[in-house]
């Protein structure tokens, strides 16, 4: 299963900070907390930090 911002708008990151290679800039980390719901109840959660190394913009 693929999670996309089209299906889950809360995954959209506006103005993301990039993770730069050592010596080229800051290694900025974003934080995310995911919750999985089944039958209206939270069945699992996961929380972690992640970096974005590349951003692409597509024209439709």
C-alpha atoms as a PDB file:
ATOM      1  CA  UNK A   1       0.000   0.000   0.000  1.00  0.00           C
ATOM      2  CA  UNK A   2       1.264   3.458  -0.899  1.00  0.00           C
ATOM      3  CA  UNK A   3       0.357   6.480   1.204  1.00  0.00           C
ATOM      4  CA  UNK A   4       0.003   9.640  -0.871  1.00  0.00           C
ATOM      5  CA  UNK A   5      -0.918  13.228  -0.009  1.00  0.00           C
ATOM      6  CA  UNK A   6      -3.788  12.957  -2.522  1.00  0.00           C
ATOM      7  CA  UNK A   7      -5.370  10.238  -0.375  1.00  0.00           C
ATOM      8  CA  UNK A   8      -4.159  11.630   2.962  1.00  0.00           C
ATOM      9  CA  UNK A   9      -3.794  15.459   2.794  1.00  0.00           C
ATOM     10  CA  UNK A  10      -2.183  15.570   6.254  1.00  0.00           C
ATOM     11  CA  UNK A  11       0.941  13.981   4.691  1.00  0.00           C
ATOM     12  CA  UNK A  12       1.579  17.096   2.590  1.00  0.00           C
ATOM     13  CA  UNK A  13       4.677  18.977   3.771  1.00  0.00           C
ATOM     14  CA  UNK A  14       4.586  22.669   2.851  1.00  0.00           C
ATOM     15  CA  UNK A  15       7.985  24.388   2.552  1.00  0.00           C
ATOM     16  CA  UNK A  16      10.054  21.330   3.492  1.00  0.00           C
ATOM     17  CA  UNK A  17      13.561  21.749   4.816  1.00  0.00           C
ATOM     18  CA  UNK A  18      16.149  19.808   2.831  1.00  0.00           C
ATOM     19  CA  UNK A  19      18.782  17.499   4.293  1.00  0.00           C
ATOM     20  CA  UNK A  20      22.103  18.761   2.941  1.00  0.00           C
ATOM     21  CA  UNK A  21      25.272  16.652   2.608  1.00  0.00           C
ATOM     22  CA  UNK A  22      27.896  17.180   5.311  1.00  0.00           C
ATOM     23  CA  UNK A  23      29.557  20.570   4.849  1.00  0.00           C
ATOM     24  CA  UNK A  24      26.859  21.969   2.511  1.00  0.00           C
ATOM     25  CA  UNK A  25      24.159  22.901   5.004  1.00  0.00           C
ATOM     26  CA  UNK A  26      22.032  21.729   7.904  1.00  0.00           C
ATOM     27  CA  UNK A  27      20.835  18.148   8.325  1.00  0.00           C
ATOM     28  CA  UNK A  28      17.282  19.153   9.261  1.00  0.00           C
ATOM     29  CA  UNK A  29      14.903  16.454  10.474  1.00  0.00           C
ATOM     30  CA  UNK A  30      11.102  16.497  10.232  1.00  0.00           C
ATOM     31  CA  UNK A  31       9.003  14.649  12.817  1.00  0.00           C
ATOM     32  CA  UNK A  32       6.002  12.467  12.035  1.00  0.00           C
ATOM     33  CA  UNK A  33       3.516  10.504  14.125  1.00  0.00           C
ATOM     34  CA  UNK A  34       1.388   7.912  12.330  1.00  0.00           C
ATOM     35  CA  UNK A  35      -1.694   6.236  13.804  1.00  0.00           C
ATOM     36  CA  UNK A  36      -3.434   3.236  12.278  1.00  0.00           C
ATOM     37  CA  UNK A  37      -7.142   2.890  12.955  1.00  0.00           C
ATOM     38  CA  UNK A  38      -9.251  -0.248  12.656  1.00  0.00           C
ATOM     39  CA  UNK A  39     -12.940  -0.230  13.444  1.00  0.00           C
ATOM     40  CA  UNK A  40     -12.740   3.321  14.783  1.00  0.00           C
ATOM     41  CA  UNK A  41     -10.014   2.447  17.309  1.00  0.00           C
ATOM     42  CA  UNK A  42      -6.264   3.083  17.176  1.00  0.00           C
ATOM     43  CA  UNK A  43      -4.567  -0.255  16.554  1.00  0.00           C
ATOM     44  CA  UNK A  44      -0.955   0.969  16.266  1.00  0.00           C
ATOM     45  CA  UNK A  45       1.141   4.149  16.302  1.00  0.00           C
ATOM     46  CA  UNK A  46       4.632   4.937  15.050  1.00  0.00           C
ATOM     47  CA  UNK A  47       6.648   8.113  15.652  1.00  0.00           C
ATOM     48  CA  UNK A  48       9.999   8.958  14.029  1.00  0.00           C
ATOM     49  CA  UNK A  49      12.231  11.669  12.564  1.00  0.00           C
ATOM     50  CA  UNK A  50      13.160  11.754   8.876  1.00  0.00           C
ATOM     51  CA  UNK A  51      15.135  13.887   6.425  1.00  0.00           C
ATOM     52  CA  UNK A  52      14.197  14.998   2.894  1.00  0.00           C
ATOM     53  CA  UNK A  53      17.083  14.830   0.440  1.00  0.00           C
ATOM     54  CA  UNK A  54      15.230  15.640  -2.766  1.00  0.00           C
ATOM     55  CA  UNK A  55      12.114  17.566  -3.785  1.00  0.00           C
ATOM     56  CA  UNK A  56      10.561  17.285  -7.247  1.00  0.00           C
ATOM     57  CA  UNK A  57       7.899  19.475  -8.769  1.00  0.00           C
ATOM     58  CA  UNK A  58       5.731  18.140 -11.542  1.00  0.00           C
ATOM     59  CA  UNK A  59       3.540  20.147 -13.872  1.00  0.00           C
ATOM     60  CA  UNK A  60       0.136  18.769 -14.790  1.00  0.00           C
END
